[in-house]
Protein backbone atom coordinates (compact mmCIF):
# COMPACT_ATOMS: atom_id res chain seq x y z
CA UNK A 1 115.78 155.46 97.92
CA UNK A 2 118.53 153.04 100.21
CA UNK A 3 120.42 152.80 97.09
CA UNK A 4 120.27 155.74 95.59
CA UNK A 5 121.14 157.27 98.69
CA UNK A 6 123.86 154.69 99.07
CA UNK A 7 125.35 156.41 95.61
CA UNK A 8 125.63 159.45 96.36
CA UNK A 9 127.58 158.35 99.44
CA UNK A 10 129.81 155.97 97.19
CA UNK A 11 130.64 158.51 94.59
CA UNK A 12 130.99 161.75 97.44
CA UNK A 13 133.83 159.62 98.89
CA UNK A 14 135.87 158.75 95.57
CA UNK A 15 135.44 162.40 94.96
CA UNK A 16 137.01 162.86 98.37
CA UNK A 17 140.04 161.40 97.70
CA UNK A 18 140.11 161.23 94.13
CA UNK A 19 142.46 164.05 94.24
CA UNK A 20 144.92 162.64 96.06
CA UNK A 21 147.66 160.99 93.79
CA UNK A 22 147.16 157.31 93.60
CA UNK A 23 151.11 157.55 92.40
CA UNK A 24 153.39 155.53 95.55
CA UNK A 25 155.67 152.64 95.89
CA UNK A 26 154.87 149.81 94.86
CA UNK A 27 156.22 145.61 96.22
CA UNK A 28 159.74 145.12 94.61
CA UNK A 29 160.72 149.06 94.78
CA UNK A 30 163.70 149.75 96.45
CA UNK A 31 162.73 151.51 100.29
CA UNK A 32 164.01 154.99 101.01
CA UNK A 33 166.34 155.27 103.61
CA UNK A 34 164.76 156.39 106.17
CA UNK A 35 166.50 158.32 110.03
CA UNK A 36 165.60 159.76 112.56
CA UNK A 37 165.24 159.86 115.82
CA UNK A 38 161.47 158.78 117.70
CA UNK A 39 159.41 159.79 120.92
CA UNK A 40 162.28 157.42 123.20
CA UNK A 41 165.44 159.82 122.12
CA UNK A 42 166.69 156.84 119.74
CA UNK A 43 168.45 157.26 116.50
CA UNK A 44 166.65 155.22 113.97
CA UNK A 45 168.99 154.53 110.89
CA UNK A 46 166.53 152.02 108.23
CA UNK A 47 170.71 151.42 107.24
CA UNK A 48 171.08 149.19 110.62
CA UNK A 49 167.99 148.33 111.70
CA UNK A 50 168.04 145.72 107.99
CA UNK A 51 171.14 144.50 109.22
CA UNK A 52 169.38 142.36 111.62
CA UNK A 53 165.50 142.80 110.45
CA UNK A 54 162.17 143.81 108.49
CA UNK A 55 161.36 146.86 108.94
CA UNK A 56 157.31 147.60 108.70
CA UNK A 57 157.09 150.59 108.28
CA UNK A 58 153.27 152.95 109.40
CA UNK A 59 152.23 156.34 108.48
CA UNK A 60 149.99 158.11 110.23
CA UNK A 61 148.29 161.69 110.44
CA UNK A 62 147.99 162.30 114.23
CA UNK A 63 146.50 161.67 117.68
CA UNK A 64 143.73 163.58 116.74
CA UNK A 65 142.08 161.06 114.21
CA UNK A 66 140.18 158.63 115.15
CA UNK A 67 140.82 155.79 113.05
CA UNK A 68 145.04 156.67 113.57
CA UNK A 69 144.29 155.59 117.17
CA UNK A 70 142.82 152.69 116.62
CA UNK A 71 145.29 151.60 113.97
CA UNK A 72 148.30 152.22 116.04
CA UNK A 73 146.12 150.16 118.94
CA UNK A 74 145.49 147.59 116.65
CA UNK A 75 149.95 147.59 115.60
CA UNK A 76 150.30 147.86 119.87
CA UNK A 77 148.85 144.95 120.40
CA UNK A 78 149.59 142.97 117.78
CA UNK A 79 153.71 144.01 118.70
CA UNK A 80 155.29 141.50 120.50
CA UNK A 81 154.10 138.67 117.29
CA UNK A 82 155.52 140.92 114.47
CA UNK A 83 159.13 141.47 116.91
CA UNK A 84 159.20 137.47 117.38
CA UNK A 85 158.61 137.34 113.40
CA UNK A 86 161.79 139.56 113.21
CA UNK A 87 160.34 143.06 112.38
CA UNK A 88 160.90 146.29 113.79
CA UNK A 89 158.60 149.14 113.68
CA UNK A 90 159.01 152.33 112.48
CA UNK A 91 156.05 154.61 112.67
CA UNK A 92 155.77 158.60 110.61
CA UNK A 93 153.65 161.52 111.56
CA UNK A 94 153.99 165.10 110.80
CA UNK A 95 153.12 165.28 114.08
CA UNK A 96 154.59 167.93 117.23
CA UNK A 97 157.02 166.11 118.76
CA UNK A 98 155.31 166.58 121.80
CA UNK A 99 151.80 165.16 120.41
CA UNK A 100 154.20 161.84 119.48
CA UNK A 101 154.41 162.18 123.33
CA UNK A 102 150.73 162.59 123.90
CA UNK A 103 150.08 159.77 121.50
CA UNK A 104 152.65 157.22 123.08
CA UNK A 105 150.91 158.47 126.68
CA UNK A 106 147.65 157.65 125.11
CA UNK A 107 148.01 154.21 123.53
CA UNK A 108 151.30 153.07 126.15
CA UNK A 109 152.90 152.49 122.93
CA UNK A 110 156.51 150.77 122.89
CA UNK A 111 157.31 151.39 119.14
CA UNK A 112 159.60 153.98 117.50
CA UNK A 113 157.16 157.09 116.54
CA UNK A 114 159.90 159.55 114.58
CA UNK A 115 158.56 163.36 113.51
CA UNK A 116 158.73 163.54 109.85
CA UNK A 117 160.35 166.84 110.52
CA UNK A 118 160.80 167.98 106.95
CA UNK A 119 158.01 165.80 105.57
CA UNK A 120 161.01 164.44 103.45
CA UNK A 121 160.21 160.41 104.70
CA UNK A 122 156.66 161.23 103.55
CA UNK A 123 157.79 162.81 100.47
CA UNK A 124 160.22 160.04 99.55
CA UNK A 125 157.55 156.77 99.74
CA UNK A 126 155.41 158.93 98.06
CA UNK A 127 152.63 159.17 100.41
CA UNK A 128 152.66 163.30 101.03
CA UNK A 129 149.94 165.14 99.72
CA UNK A 130 148.86 168.46 101.14
CA UNK A 131 145.53 170.04 102.50
CA UNK A 132 143.45 171.95 100.11
CA UNK A 133 140.26 172.09 99.40
CA UNK A 134 140.13 169.45 96.28
CA UNK A 135 141.70 166.77 98.50
CA UNK A 136 140.20 167.66 101.96
CA UNK A 137 136.47 169.37 100.41
CA UNK A 138 134.00 168.02 103.29
CA UNK A 139 136.57 169.07 106.38
CA UNK A 140 138.92 171.34 105.28
CA UNK A 141 137.90 173.89 108.12
CA UNK A 142 138.90 171.29 110.61
CA UNK A 143 141.62 169.92 108.80
CA UNK A 144 143.40 173.60 108.47
CA UNK A 145 142.77 174.39 111.84
CA UNK A 146 144.02 170.36 113.34
CA UNK A 147 146.81 170.20 111.44
CA UNK A 148 148.17 174.19 112.46
CA UNK A 149 147.64 172.69 116.61
CA UNK A 150 149.72 169.07 115.49
CA UNK A 151 151.66 169.72 112.84
CA UNK A 152 154.96 172.05 112.56
CA UNK A 153 154.06 175.42 111.42
CA UNK A 154 153.13 175.97 108.59
CA UNK A 155 153.16 172.46 107.37
CA UNK A 156 149.93 171.19 105.85
CA UNK A 157 150.99 168.12 104.65
CA UNK A 158 149.24 164.54 105.61
CA UNK A 159 150.16 161.21 104.83
CA UNK A 160 148.36 158.74 102.83
CA UNK A 161 147.96 156.07 106.20
CA UNK A 162 150.36 153.40 104.63
CA UNK A 163 152.05 150.70 105.38
CA UNK A 164 155.59 148.88 103.95
CA UNK A 165 156.95 145.80 105.02
CA UNK A 166 160.52 146.41 103.82
CA UNK A 167 162.67 143.52 103.49
CA UNK A 168 166.49 142.64 104.70
CA UNK A 169 167.54 143.32 100.90
CA UNK A 170 165.71 146.86 101.03
CA UNK A 171 163.14 145.95 98.91
CA UNK A 172 159.18 146.54 99.73
CA UNK A 173 157.96 143.08 99.93
CA UNK A 174 154.09 144.43 100.95
CA UNK A 175 152.01 147.86 100.82
CA UNK A 176 149.29 149.13 101.88
CA UNK A 177 147.93 152.27 100.05
CA UNK A 178 144.51 153.60 100.71
CA UNK A 179 143.98 157.92 99.61
CA UNK A 180 140.38 156.51 102.12
CA UNK A 181 141.65 157.24 105.41
CA UNK A 182 139.79 154.80 107.32
CA UNK A 183 141.32 152.04 104.96
CA UNK A 184 143.63 150.79 106.86
CA UNK A 185 146.03 147.80 107.38
CA UNK A 186 145.58 144.87 109.13
CA UNK A 187 148.92 143.49 111.21
CA UNK A 188 146.75 140.57 111.70
CA UNK A 189 146.92 139.62 107.97
CA UNK A 190 151.22 141.08 108.04
CA UNK A 191 151.81 138.61 110.71
CA UNK A 192 149.90 135.43 107.89
CA UNK A 193 152.13 136.11 105.38
CA UNK A 194 155.48 136.39 107.33
């Protein structure tokens, strides 16, 4: 009986994430430029940052997502070690600016968070997906309502919560991409890689 329940759960989980495109940037690919203004009104330009540091780029769905909050809390906990390793952290989200401020306050976040104004950063990194009944079948109604509250008007796009590590030459040297939003990168493991 337990095996049957586990099998049903695994098949269901696969179906939920199977509709999201799994094509994404890979290790060795050239990282697209990232520009924006973070929650501290600092202009962020990845080309300038990469002159002196590597970049760790993290995409999150919104502070409404408990997995995102936990992942960003882990990022903040490991920020000092990441900085010592010469990494500059950029976090990208479709969340409205005021919601980013809430995220910053809740997590006491000191890393840069950019509102992806037109979803172009998410699209360039191939992590964007449209929320619809095919790819969010289990929680479609809830997700639709929550992103209407947290995203800018008429934006029903979310990112796969991916993590990219970019070296000073602008090449991607680490990727964590998993359409299952429960699965996230481990910052302690990334620290060991550098």
